[in-house]
Amino acid sequence: MKTRLLCALVCVLCACGTVRKVEPGAVKLGERMTVDIPKAWNHFDFPVAAPAQAQLWTTEGLAIDSLTIYYGLRDSQTLSNQTPQGGKKPLVFKSNMKNEEIAATIEGLLTQDGSTFKTIKFEPANLDGRRGFKLEFEKIRAEDHVQLRGLAYAATDKGELFALVYQAPRLTFYPRQKAQIEAIAASVKIR
């Protein structure tokens, strides 16, 4: 029975999106953002999950790790295309948000499913010279109680949001990828 359900889920996911490899090197995201990645990633083209100005990447599979990259999210656009549960309002970016409000919106996105969230560190940081922030966090995923660790970088430019949000299990996968995420954040170029 479990095998049948898993096969059905895979078929549904395959019908809704595609996966393609993102090769190492410079990667253009939208019209204004470029990142340089040292290793290959898998890009999930999954329109149900992410808005047009976002990409969802993984190295190990979405159940293990995920990197969501927002590139040029405009005023009043949502951070997720998924409908919030329990009558919650969609999480919307506003161009006049302060860094703390953007971080709270990212927290809201990561806890929509009932997961718990704890901020480890919140500090100023730049993305290609744009003043923003770096957020380190822990999360206990609601569906399976896996303890995750995460890292987010965000900044705004010309009223648009540019952000990287990475999360993975805290004991093995997060430490393995942390330096690469920091290198990707350092490589961001915004035109």
Foldseek 3Di string as FASTA:
>chain_A
DVVVVVVVVVVVLVVQWDKDKDAAQWDDQPDWKIFGFHGIWIWIGHCQWAPNQKIWIHRPDPVFKIKIKGDFAAAQDAGTNHDQPDPDDTQTDHLPDDQVVVVVSVVCVVCSVPKDKDWPDWDWDDQQNAIHIKTWIWIQDPPPRAIKIKIKTWGDDPSTITMMIMMGRDPPDCVVCVVRVVNRSNRMGTD
